[in-house]
Amino acid sequence: MDEIKRERLQASGWSVGTAEEFLELSPAESELVELKLLLSKYLKKLRTSQNLSQQAVAERMNSSQSRVAKMESADSSVSVDLFVRTLFSIGATREDIAQAIIPSRS
């Protein structure tokens, strides 16, 4: 959020904080959420770069299209294990996955 918007909200009596504060997440829980978001983004990027549909990915992993959609939306019911197995099923390597979860320094 930009500083001007933050100041306007605070001047109007709103409390401004982070998602972690609002959800009362521990540092470990916050890191897990971030990890799943990064894996989700990478899955969609890899799938689209290979011109694969969600259904095609689902067939490779013996699952359903709706499960792939949940993965791409970082649904909380999706495990890190499922993300990794799915990424491997569409050709990702350990190095690719490691690169995908390294936070950008911007």
PDB file of N, CA and C in Angstrom:
ATOM      1  N   MET A   1       0.843  -1.165   0.000  1.00  0.00           N
ATOM      2  CA  MET A   1       0.000   0.000   0.000  1.00  0.00           C
ATOM      3  C   MET A   1       0.895   1.236   0.000  1.00  0.00           C
ATOM      4  N   ASP A   2       0.511   2.221  -0.800  1.00  0.00           N
ATOM      5  CA  ASP A   2       1.349   3.422  -0.827  1.00  0.00           C
ATOM      6  C   ASP A   2       1.124   4.255   0.442  1.00  0.00           C
ATOM      7  N   GLU A   3       2.089   5.072   0.741  1.00  0.00           N
ATOM      8  CA  GLU A   3       2.109   5.824   2.007  1.00  0.00           C
ATOM      9  C   GLU A   3       0.944   6.806   2.106  1.00  0.00           C
ATOM     10  N   ILE A   4       0.561   7.438   1.017  1.00  0.00           N
ATOM     11  CA  ILE A   4      -0.546   8.402   1.035  1.00  0.00           C
ATOM     12  C   ILE A   4      -1.852   7.712   1.406  1.00  0.00           C
ATOM     13  N   LYS A   5      -2.094   6.577   0.810  1.00  0.00           N
ATOM     14  CA  LYS A   5      -3.313   5.827   1.116  1.00  0.00           C
ATOM     15  C   LYS A   5      -3.304   5.384   2.577  1.00  0.00           C
ATOM     16  N   ARG A   6      -2.166   4.905   3.054  1.00  0.00           N
ATOM     17  CA  ARG A   6      -2.035   4.481   4.449  1.00  0.00           C
ATOM     18  C   ARG A   6      -2.364   5.649   5.389  1.00  0.00           C
ATOM     19  N   GLU A   7      -1.812   6.813   5.116  1.00  0.00           N
ATOM     20  CA  GLU A   7      -2.039   7.987   5.957  1.00  0.00           C
ATOM     21  C   GLU A   7      -3.509   8.401   5.946  1.00  0.00           C
ATOM     22  N   ARG A   8      -4.152   8.353   4.770  1.00  0.00           N
ATOM     23  CA  ARG A   8      -5.583   8.700   4.680  1.00  0.00           C
ATOM     24  C   ARG A   8      -6.430   7.735   5.492  1.00  0.00           C
ATOM     25  N   LEU A   9      -6.136   6.453   5.394  1.00  0.00           N
ATOM     26  CA  LEU A   9      -6.900   5.466   6.161  1.00  0.00           C
ATOM     27  C   LEU A   9      -6.716   5.671   7.662  1.00  0.00           C
ATOM     28  N   GLN A  10      -5.491   5.890   8.088  1.00  0.00           N
ATOM     29  CA  GLN A  10      -5.222   6.091   9.504  1.00  0.00           C
ATOM     30  C   GLN A  10      -5.874   7.380  10.006  1.00  0.00           C
ATOM     31  N   ALA A  11      -5.879   8.417   9.186  1.00  0.00           N
ATOM     32  CA  ALA A  11      -6.524   9.678   9.566  1.00  0.00           C
ATOM     33  C   ALA A  11      -8.040   9.514   9.715  1.00  0.00           C
ATOM     34  N   SER A  12      -8.598   8.546   8.994  1.00  0.00           N
ATOM     35  CA  SER A  12     -10.039   8.269   9.084  1.00  0.00           C
ATOM     36  C   SER A  12     -10.372   7.308  10.216  1.00  0.00           C
ATOM     37  N   GLY A  13      -9.340   6.895  10.966  1.00  0.00           N
ATOM     38  CA  GLY A  13      -9.583   6.024  12.110  1.00  0.00           C
ATOM     39  C   GLY A  13      -9.380   4.543  11.852  1.00  0.00           C
ATOM     40  N   TRP A  14      -8.938   4.190  10.669  1.00  0.00           N
ATOM     41  CA  TRP A  14      -8.702   2.790  10.342  1.00  0.00           C
ATOM     42  C   TRP A  14      -7.355   2.344  10.898  1.00  0.00           C
ATOM     43  N   SER A  15      -7.300   1.089  11.254  1.00  0.00           N
ATOM     44  CA  SER A  15      -6.041   0.483  11.686  1.00  0.00           C
ATOM     45  C   SER A  15      -5.427  -0.211  10.477  1.00  0.00           C
ATOM     46  N   VAL A  16      -4.160   0.044  10.233  1.00  0.00           N
ATOM     47  CA  VAL A  16      -3.490  -0.539   9.076  1.00  0.00           C
ATOM     48  C   VAL A  16      -2.412  -1.492   9.568  1.00  0.00           C
ATOM     49  N   GLY A  17      -2.433  -2.718   9.046  1.00  0.00           N
ATOM     50  CA  GLY A  17      -1.441  -3.706   9.446  1.00  0.00           C
ATOM     51  C   GLY A  17      -1.219  -4.697   8.332  1.00  0.00           C
ATOM     52  N   THR A  18      -0.545  -5.756   8.648  1.00  0.00           N
ATOM     53  CA  THR A  18      -0.249  -6.789   7.656  1.00  0.00           C
ATOM     54  C   THR A  18      -1.262  -7.921   7.753  1.00  0.00           C
ATOM     55  N   ALA A  19      -1.300  -8.748   6.724  1.00  0.00           N
ATOM     56  CA  ALA A  19      -2.161  -9.925   6.750  1.00  0.00           C
ATOM     57  C   ALA A  19      -1.759 -10.855   7.893  1.00  0.00           C
ATOM     58  N   GLU A  20      -0.458 -10.949   8.130  1.00  0.00           N
ATOM     59  CA  GLU A  20       0.033 -11.813   9.210  1.00  0.00           C
ATOM     60  C   GLU A  20      -0.488 -11.342  10.564  1.00  0.00           C
ATOM     61  N   GLU A  21      -0.501 -10.030  10.776  1.00  0.00           N
ATOM     62  CA  GLU A  21      -1.014  -9.490  12.032  1.00  0.00           C
ATOM     63  C   GLU A  21      -2.515  -9.729  12.158  1.00  0.00           C
ATOM     64  N   PHE A  22      -3.249  -9.477  11.086  1.00  0.00           N
ATOM     65  CA  PHE A  22      -4.696  -9.642  11.092  1.00  0.00           C
ATOM     66  C   PHE A  22      -5.078 -11.096  11.361  1.00  0.00           C
ATOM     67  N   LEU A  23      -4.380 -12.022  10.733  1.00  0.00           N
ATOM     68  CA  LEU A  23      -4.688 -13.450  10.878  1.00  0.00           C
ATOM     69  C   LEU A  23      -3.987 -14.089  12.070  1.00  0.00           C
ATOM     70  N   GLU A  24      -3.162 -13.300  12.749  1.00  0.00           N
ATOM     71  CA  GLU A  24      -2.394 -13.776  13.901  1.00  0.00           C
ATOM     72  C   GLU A  24      -1.557 -15.010  13.552  1.00  0.00           C
ATOM     73  N   LEU A  25      -0.836 -14.897  12.441  1.00  0.00           N
ATOM     74  CA  LEU A  25       0.014 -15.994  11.989  1.00  0.00           C
ATOM     75  C   LEU A  25       1.368 -15.933  12.685  1.00  0.00           C
ATOM     76  N   SER A  26       1.884 -17.107  13.005  1.00  0.00           N
ATOM     77  CA  SER A  26       3.247 -17.174  13.523  1.00  0.00           C
ATOM     78  C   SER A  26       4.197 -16.955  12.344  1.00  0.00           C
ATOM     79  N   PRO A  27       5.461 -16.670  12.623  1.00  0.00           N
ATOM     80  CA  PRO A  27       6.420 -16.531  11.512  1.00  0.00           C
ATOM     81  C   PRO A  27       6.467 -17.786  10.632  1.00  0.00           C
ATOM     82  N   ALA A  28       6.385 -18.962  11.235  1.00  0.00           N
ATOM     83  CA  ALA A  28       6.416 -20.209  10.460  1.00  0.00           C
ATOM     84  C   ALA A  28       5.173 -20.338   9.580  1.00  0.00           C
ATOM     85  N   GLU A  29       4.013 -19.990  10.106  1.00  0.00           N
ATOM     86  CA  GLU A  29       2.781 -20.055   9.320  1.00  0.00           C
ATOM     87  C   GLU A  29       2.822 -19.055   8.168  1.00  0.00           C
ATOM     88  N   SER A  30       3.352 -17.898   8.437  1.00  0.00           N
ATOM     89  CA  SER A  30       3.482 -16.874   7.404  1.00  0.00           C
ATOM     90  C   SER A  30       4.397 -17.345   6.277  1.00  0.00           C
ATOM     91  N   GLU A  31       5.504 -17.969   6.624  1.00  0.00           N
ATOM     92  CA  GLU A  31       6.433 -18.500   5.617  1.00  0.00           C
ATOM     93  C   GLU A  31       5.780 -19.602   4.787  1.00  0.00           C
ATOM     94  N   LEU A  32       4.969 -20.452   5.430  1.00  0.00           N
ATOM     95  CA  LEU A  32       4.283 -21.522   4.707  1.00  0.00           C
ATOM     96  C   LEU A  32       3.288 -20.943   3.705  1.00  0.00           C
ATOM     97  N   VAL A  33       2.558 -19.926   4.109  1.00  0.00           N
ATOM     98  CA  VAL A  33       1.620 -19.270   3.200  1.00  0.00           C
ATOM     99  C   VAL A  33       2.381 -18.696   2.006  1.00  0.00           C
ATOM    100  N   GLU A  34       3.484 -18.018   2.272  1.00  0.00           N
ATOM    101  CA  GLU A  34       4.285 -17.436   1.192  1.00  0.00           C
ATOM    102  C   GLU A  34       4.829 -18.522   0.260  1.00  0.00           C
ATOM    103  N   LEU A  35       5.292 -19.622   0.818  1.00  0.00           N
ATOM    104  CA  LEU A  35       5.810 -20.740   0.018  1.00  0.00           C
ATOM    105  C   LEU A  35       4.728 -21.278  -0.914  1.00  0.00           C
ATOM    106  N   LYS A  36       3.538 -21.486  -0.381  1.00  0.00           N
ATOM    107  CA  LYS A  36       2.444 -22.002  -1.205  1.00  0.00           C
ATOM    108  C   LYS A  36       2.061 -21.017  -2.305  1.00  0.00           C
ATOM    109  N   LEU A  37       2.095 -19.729  -1.997  1.00  0.00           N
ATOM    110  CA  LEU A  37       1.792 -18.727  -3.029  1.00  0.00           C
ATOM    111  C   LEU A  37       2.813 -18.766  -4.158  1.00  0.00           C
ATOM    112  N   LEU A  38       4.088 -18.894  -3.798  1.00  0.00           N
ATOM    113  CA  LEU A  38       5.138 -18.968  -4.818  1.00  0.00           C
ATOM    114  C   LEU A  38       5.014 -20.235  -5.665  1.00  0.00           C
ATOM    115  N   LEU A  39       4.722 -21.361  -5.030  1.00  0.00           N
ATOM    116  CA  LEU A  39       4.543 -22.612  -5.775  1.00  0.00           C
ATOM    117  C   LEU A  39       3.328 -22.532  -6.687  1.00  0.00           C
ATOM    118  N   SER A  40       2.276 -21.902  -6.203  1.00  0.00           N
ATOM    119  CA  SER A  40       1.062 -21.733  -6.997  1.00  0.00           C
ATOM    120  C   SER A  40       1.339 -20.914  -8.256  1.00  0.00           C
ATOM    121  N   LYS A  41       2.022 -19.800  -8.080  1.00  0.00           N
ATOM    122  CA  LYS A  41       2.359 -18.946  -9.232  1.00  0.00           C
ATOM    123  C   LYS A  41       3.248 -19.686 -10.219  1.00  0.00           C
ATOM    124  N   TYR A  42       4.208 -20.442  -9.697  1.00  0.00           N
ATOM    125  CA  TYR A  42       5.116 -21.165 -10.582  1.00  0.00           C
ATOM    126  C   TYR A  42       4.379 -22.260 -11.346  1.00  0.00           C
ATOM    127  N   LEU A  43       3.464 -22.954 -10.680  1.00  0.00           N
ATOM    128  CA  LEU A  43       2.689 -23.993 -11.355  1.00  0.00           C
ATOM    129  C   LEU A  43       1.924 -23.403 -12.535  1.00  0.00           C
ATOM    130  N   LYS A  44       1.248 -22.300 -12.312  1.00  0.00           N
ATOM    131  CA  LYS A  44       0.478 -21.697 -13.403  1.00  0.00           C
ATOM    132  C   LYS A  44       1.401 -21.222 -14.525  1.00  0.00           C
ATOM    133  N   LYS A  45       2.520 -20.614 -14.162  1.00  0.00           N
ATOM    134  CA  LYS A  45       3.472 -20.139 -15.163  1.00  0.00           C
ATOM    135  C   LYS A  45       4.012 -21.302 -16.001  1.00  0.00           C
ATOM    136  N   LEU A  46       4.398 -22.391 -15.347  1.00  0.00           N
ATOM    137  CA  LEU A  46       4.936 -23.551 -16.066  1.00  0.00           C
ATOM    138  C   LEU A  46       3.867 -24.205 -16.928  1.00  0.00           C
ATOM    139  N   ARG A  47       2.660 -24.341 -16.390  1.00  0.00           N
ATOM    140  CA  ARG A  47       1.565 -24.953 -17.144  1.00  0.00           C
ATOM    141  C   ARG A  47       1.255 -24.145 -18.403  1.00  0.00           C
ATOM    142  N   THR A  48       1.146 -22.838 -18.251  1.00  0.00           N
ATOM    143  CA  THR A  48       0.800 -22.016 -19.418  1.00  0.00           C
ATOM    144  C   THR A  48       1.946 -21.937 -20.419  1.00  0.00           C
ATOM    145  N   SER A  49       3.184 -21.961 -19.930  1.00  0.00           N
ATOM    146  CA  SER A  49       4.319 -21.912 -20.855  1.00  0.00           C
ATOM    147  C   SER A  49       4.404 -23.177 -21.709  1.00  0.00           C
ATOM    148  N   GLN A  50       3.830 -24.262 -21.202  1.00  0.00           N
ATOM    149  CA  GLN A  50       3.803 -25.522 -21.957  1.00  0.00           C
ATOM    150  C   GLN A  50       2.491 -25.711 -22.712  1.00  0.00           C
ATOM    151  N   ASN A  51       1.650 -24.670 -22.686  1.00  0.00           N
ATOM    152  CA  ASN A  51       0.335 -24.730 -23.339  1.00  0.00           C
ATOM    153  C   ASN A  51      -0.493 -25.920 -22.868  1.00  0.00           C
ATOM    154  N   LEU A  52      -0.416 -26.197 -21.570  1.00  0.00           N
ATOM    155  CA  LEU A  52      -1.203 -27.281 -20.992  1.00  0.00           C
ATOM    156  C   LEU A  52      -2.460 -26.709 -20.346  1.00  0.00           C
ATOM    157  N   SER A  53      -3.553 -27.416 -20.496  1.00  0.00           N
ATOM    158  CA  SER A  53      -4.770 -27.031 -19.782  1.00  0.00           C
ATOM    159  C   SER A  53      -4.700 -27.581 -18.361  1.00  0.00           C
ATOM    160  N   GLN A  54      -5.551 -27.071 -17.511  1.00  0.00           N
ATOM    161  CA  GLN A  54      -5.627 -27.627 -16.155  1.00  0.00           C
ATOM    162  C   GLN A  54      -6.018 -29.097 -16.221  1.00  0.00           C
ATOM    163  N   GLN A  55      -6.887 -29.441 -17.154  1.00  0.00           N
ATOM    164  CA  GLN A  55      -7.316 -30.833 -17.316  1.00  0.00           C
ATOM    165  C   GLN A  55      -6.139 -31.730 -17.708  1.00  0.00           C
ATOM    166  N   ALA A  56      -5.274 -31.248 -18.585  1.00  0.00           N
ATOM    167  CA  ALA A  56      -4.110 -32.033 -19.010  1.00  0.00           C
ATOM    168  C   ALA A  56      -3.170 -32.281 -17.834  1.00  0.00           C
ATOM    169  N   VAL A  57      -2.982 -31.267 -17.007  1.00  0.00           N
ATOM    170  CA  VAL A  57      -2.137 -31.437 -15.814  1.00  0.00           C
ATOM    171  C   VAL A  57      -2.787 -32.440 -14.879  1.00  0.00           C
ATOM    172  N   ALA A  58      -4.088 -32.310 -14.690  1.00  0.00           N
ATOM    173  CA  ALA A  58      -4.822 -33.224 -13.802  1.00  0.00           C
ATOM    174  C   ALA A  58      -4.668 -34.674 -14.266  1.00  0.00           C
ATOM    175  N   GLU A  59      -4.742 -34.896 -15.552  1.00  0.00           N
ATOM    176  CA  GLU A  59      -4.608 -36.255 -16.080  1.00  0.00           C
ATOM    177  C   GLU A  59      -3.217 -36.815 -15.818  1.00  0.00           C
ATOM    178  N   ARG A  60      -2.192 -35.974 -15.917  1.00  0.00           N
ATOM    179  CA  ARG A  60      -0.827 -36.439 -15.660  1.00  0.00           C
ATOM    180  C   ARG A  60      -0.626 -36.859 -14.211  1.00  0.00           C
ATOM    181  N   MET A  61      -1.374 -36.243 -13.306  1.00  0.00           N
ATOM    182  CA  MET A  61      -1.200 -36.548 -11.887  1.00  0.00           C
ATOM    183  C   MET A  61      -2.345 -37.379 -11.317  1.00  0.00           C
ATOM    184  N   ASN A  62      -3.204 -37.899 -12.204  1.00  0.00           N
ATOM    185  CA  ASN A  62      -4.351 -38.719 -11.794  1.00  0.00           C
ATOM    186  C   ASN A  62      -5.223 -37.990 -10.780  1.00  0.00           C
ATOM    187  N   SER A  63      -5.593 -36.777 -11.122  1.00  0.00           N
ATOM    188  CA  SER A  63      -6.423 -35.965 -10.243  1.00  0.00           C
ATOM    189  C   SER A  63      -7.501 -35.300 -11.083  1.00  0.00           C
ATOM    190  N   SER A  64      -8.076 -34.229 -10.560  1.00  0.00           N
ATOM    191  CA  SER A  64      -9.155 -33.537 -11.262  1.00  0.00           C
ATOM    192  C   SER A  64      -8.743 -32.110 -11.637  1.00  0.00           C
ATOM    193  N   GLN A  65      -9.429 -31.574 -12.633  1.00  0.00           N
ATOM    194  CA  GLN A  65      -9.176 -30.202 -13.055  1.00  0.00           C
ATOM    195  C   GLN A  65      -9.437 -29.238 -11.909  1.00  0.00           C
ATOM    196  N   SER A  66     -10.466 -29.508 -11.112  1.00  0.00           N
ATOM    197  CA  SER A  66     -10.777 -28.601 -10.006  1.00  0.00           C
ATOM    198  C   SER A  66      -9.660 -28.585  -8.962  1.00  0.00           C
ATOM    199  N   ARG A  67      -8.966 -29.707  -8.811  1.00  0.00           N
ATOM    200  CA  ARG A  67      -7.842 -29.754  -7.867  1.00  0.00           C
ATOM    201  C   ARG A  67      -6.692 -28.880  -8.380  1.00  0.00           C
ATOM    202  N   VAL A  68      -6.444 -28.928  -9.674  1.00  0.00           N
ATOM    203  CA  VAL A  68      -5.403 -28.079 -10.259  1.00  0.00           C
ATOM    204  C   VAL A  68      -5.797 -26.605 -10.097  1.00  0.00           C
ATOM    205  N   ALA A  69      -7.071 -26.298 -10.299  1.00  0.00           N
ATOM    206  CA  ALA A  69      -7.539 -24.921 -10.106  1.00  0.00           C
ATOM    207  C   ALA A  69      -7.312 -24.477  -8.659  1.00  0.00           C
ATOM    208  N   LYS A  70      -7.576 -25.363  -7.709  1.00  0.00           N
ATOM    209  CA  LYS A  70      -7.323 -25.038  -6.300  1.00  0.00           C
ATOM    210  C   LYS A  70      -5.839 -24.791  -6.057  1.00  0.00           C
ATOM    211  N   MET A  71      -5.007 -25.580  -6.708  1.00  0.00           N
ATOM    212  CA  MET A  71      -3.568 -25.397  -6.555  1.00  0.00           C
ATOM    213  C   MET A  71      -3.153 -24.029  -7.096  1.00  0.00           C
ATOM    214  N   GLU A  72      -3.666 -23.658  -8.246  1.00  0.00           N
ATOM    215  CA  GLU A  72      -3.298 -22.392  -8.853  1.00  0.00           C
ATOM    216  C   GLU A  72      -3.847 -21.189  -8.092  1.00  0.00           C
ATOM    217  N   SER A  73      -4.849 -21.420  -7.261  1.00  0.00           N
ATOM    218  CA  SER A  73      -5.369 -20.328  -6.435  1.00  0.00           C
ATOM    219  C   SER A  73      -4.818 -20.405  -5.014  1.00  0.00           C
ATOM    220  N   ALA A  74      -3.841 -21.290  -4.797  1.00  0.00           N
ATOM    221  CA  ALA A  74      -3.175 -21.454  -3.492  1.00  0.00           C
ATOM    222  C   ALA A  74      -4.167 -21.772  -2.384  1.00  0.00           C
ATOM    223  N   ASP A  75      -5.137 -22.600  -2.690  1.00  0.00           N
ATOM    224  CA  ASP A  75      -6.126 -23.018  -1.692  1.00  0.00           C
ATOM    225  C   ASP A  75      -5.422 -23.647  -0.495  1.00  0.00           C
ATOM    226  N   SER A  76      -5.885 -23.332   0.687  1.00  0.00           N
ATOM    227  CA  SER A  76      -5.226 -23.818   1.905  1.00  0.00           C
ATOM    228  C   SER A  76      -5.278 -25.333   2.052  1.00  0.00           C
ATOM    229  N   SER A  77      -6.177 -26.000   1.332  1.00  0.00           N
ATOM    230  CA  SER A  77      -6.282 -27.459   1.430  1.00  0.00           C
ATOM    231  C   SER A  77      -5.194 -28.190   0.644  1.00  0.00           C
ATOM    232  N   VAL A  78      -4.438 -27.462  -0.167  1.00  0.00           N
ATOM    233  CA  VAL A  78      -3.398 -28.077  -1.002  1.00  0.00           C
ATOM    234  C   VAL A  78      -2.087 -28.158  -0.221  1.00  0.00           C
ATOM    235  N   SER A  79      -1.512 -29.348  -0.183  1.00  0.00           N
ATOM    236  CA  SER A  79      -0.252 -29.538   0.544  1.00  0.00           C
ATOM    237  C   SER A  79       0.945 -29.173  -0.331  1.00  0.00           C
ATOM    238  N   VAL A  80       2.040 -28.863   0.325  1.00  0.00           N
ATOM    239  CA  VAL A  80       3.290 -28.584  -0.383  1.00  0.00           C
ATOM    240  C   VAL A  80       3.695 -29.831  -1.173  1.00  0.00           C
ATOM    241  N   ASP A  81       3.483 -31.001  -0.583  1.00  0.00           N
ATOM    242  CA  ASP A  81       3.798 -32.265  -1.252  1.00  0.00           C
ATOM    243  C   ASP A  81       3.064 -32.368  -2.589  1.00  0.00           C
ATOM    244  N   LEU A  82       1.784 -32.022  -2.611  1.00  0.00           N
ATOM    245  CA  LEU A  82       1.018 -32.097  -3.853  1.00  0.00           C
ATOM    246  C   LEU A  82       1.545 -31.103  -4.881  1.00  0.00           C
ATOM    247  N   PHE A  83       1.883 -29.894  -4.440  1.00  0.00           N
ATOM    248  CA  PHE A  83       2.478 -28.933  -5.359  1.00  0.00           C
ATOM    249  C   PHE A  83       3.728 -29.515  -6.016  1.00  0.00           C
ATOM    250  N   VAL A  84       4.621 -30.058  -5.205  1.00  0.00           N
ATOM    251  CA  VAL A  84       5.900 -30.563  -5.717  1.00  0.00           C
ATOM    252  C   VAL A  84       5.680 -31.751  -6.657  1.00  0.00           C
ATOM    253  N   ARG A  85       4.825 -32.696  -6.252  1.00  0.00           N
ATOM    254  CA  ARG A  85       4.558 -33.845  -7.131  1.00  0.00           C
ATOM    255  C   ARG A  85       3.968 -33.397  -8.463  1.00  0.00           C
ATOM    256  N   THR A  86       3.089 -32.412  -8.424  1.00  0.00           N
ATOM    257  CA  THR A  86       2.484 -31.908  -9.658  1.00  0.00           C
ATOM    258  C   THR A  86       3.516 -31.220 -10.531  1.00  0.00           C
ATOM    259  N   LEU A  87       4.356 -30.402  -9.937  1.00  0.00           N
ATOM    260  CA  LEU A  87       5.403 -29.731 -10.705  1.00  0.00           C
ATOM    261  C   LEU A  87       6.338 -30.748 -11.357  1.00  0.00           C
ATOM    262  N   PHE A  88       6.710 -31.781 -10.622  1.00  0.00           N
ATOM    263  CA  PHE A  88       7.548 -32.832 -11.213  1.00  0.00           C
ATOM    264  C   PHE A  88       6.820 -33.504 -12.380  1.00  0.00           C
ATOM    265  N   SER A  89       5.503 -33.698 -12.238  1.00  0.00           N
ATOM    266  CA  SER A  89       4.750 -34.399 -13.287  1.00  0.00           C
ATOM    267  C   SER A  89       4.696 -33.616 -14.591  1.00  0.00           C
ATOM    268  N   ILE A  90       4.921 -32.309 -14.531  1.00  0.00           N
ATOM    269  CA  ILE A  90       4.917 -31.518 -15.774  1.00  0.00           C
ATOM    270  C   ILE A  90       6.318 -31.046 -16.149  1.00  0.00           C
ATOM    271  N   GLY A  91       7.314 -31.700 -15.579  1.00  0.00           N
ATOM    272  CA  GLY A  91       8.671 -31.488 -16.054  1.00  0.00           C
ATOM    273  C   GLY A  91       9.573 -30.592 -15.237  1.00  0.00           C
ATOM    274  N   ALA A  92       9.116 -30.076 -14.125  1.00  0.00           N
ATOM    275  CA  ALA A  92       9.979 -29.222 -13.307  1.00  0.00           C
ATOM    276  C   ALA A  92      11.065 -30.070 -12.648  1.00  0.00           C
ATOM    277  N   THR A  93      12.208 -29.467 -12.440  1.00  0.00           N
ATOM    278  CA  THR A  93      13.300 -30.125 -11.728  1.00  0.00           C
ATOM    279  C   THR A  93      13.386 -29.533 -10.319  1.00  0.00           C
ATOM    280  N   ARG A  94      14.187 -30.164  -9.467  1.00  0.00           N
ATOM    281  CA  ARG A  94      14.402 -29.615  -8.125  1.00  0.00           C
ATOM    282  C   ARG A  94      14.985 -28.206  -8.219  1.00  0.00           C
ATOM    283  N   GLU A  95      15.874 -28.017  -9.163  1.00  0.00           N
ATOM    284  CA  GLU A  95      16.487 -26.703  -9.342  1.00  0.00           C
ATOM    285  C   GLU A  95      15.460 -25.663  -9.769  1.00  0.00           C
ATOM    286  N   ASP A  96      14.545 -26.047 -10.665  1.00  0.00           N
ATOM    287  CA  ASP A  96      13.480 -25.141 -11.098  1.00  0.00           C
ATOM    288  C   ASP A  96      12.626 -24.713  -9.904  1.00  0.00           C
ATOM    289  N   ILE A  97      12.258 -25.688  -9.082  1.00  0.00           N
ATOM    290  CA  ILE A  97      11.412 -25.403  -7.926  1.00  0.00           C
ATOM    291  C   ILE A  97      12.154 -24.523  -6.928  1.00  0.00           C
ATOM    292  N   ALA A  98      13.422 -24.831  -6.703  1.00  0.00           N
ATOM    293  CA  ALA A  98      14.220 -24.010  -5.781  1.00  0.00           C
ATOM    294  C   ALA A  98      14.271 -22.566  -6.270  1.00  0.00           C
ATOM    295  N   GLN A  99      14.471 -22.380  -7.556  1.00  0.00           N
ATOM    296  CA  GLN A  99      14.541 -21.032  -8.135  1.00  0.00           C
ATOM    297  C   GLN A  99      13.197 -20.322  -7.976  1.00  0.00           C
ATOM    298  N   ALA A 100      12.111 -21.069  -8.122  1.00  0.00           N
ATOM    299  CA  ALA A 100      10.772 -20.474  -8.043  1.00  0.00           C
ATOM    300  C   ALA A 100      10.423 -19.983  -6.646  1.00  0.00           C
ATOM    301  N   ILE A 101      11.011 -20.591  -5.624  1.00  0.00           N
ATOM    302  CA  ILE A 101      10.641 -20.210  -4.250  1.00  0.00           C
ATOM    303  C   ILE A 101      11.615 -19.232  -3.616  1.00  0.00           C
ATOM    304  N   ILE A 102      12.657 -18.848  -4.351  1.00  0.00           N
ATOM    305  CA  ILE A 102      13.575 -17.835  -3.840  1.00  0.00           C
ATOM    306  C   ILE A 102      12.889 -16.482  -4.005  1.00  0.00           C
ATOM    307  N   PRO A 103      12.711 -15.748  -2.911  1.00  0.00           N
ATOM    308  CA  PRO A 103      12.022 -14.447  -3.020  1.00  0.00           C
ATOM    309  C   PRO A 103      12.817 -13.470  -3.893  1.00  0.00           C
ATOM    310  N   SER A 104      12.088 -12.694  -4.670  1.00  0.00           N
ATOM    311  CA  SER A 104      12.756 -11.680  -5.499  1.00  0.00           C
ATOM    312  C   SER A 104      13.216 -10.551  -4.605  1.00  0.00           C
ATOM    313  N   ARG A 105      14.268  -9.904  -4.998  1.00  0.00           N
ATOM    314  CA  ARG A 105      14.864  -8.827  -4.211  1.00  0.00           C
ATOM    315  C   ARG A 105      14.513  -7.466  -4.802  1.00  0.00           C
ATOM    316  N   SER A 106      13.216  -7.229  -5.039  1.00  0.00           N
ATOM    317  CA  SER A 106      12.831  -5.951  -5.622  1.00  0.00           C
ATOM    318  C   SER A 106      12.194  -5.030  -4.628  1.00  0.00           C
TER     319      SER A 106
END
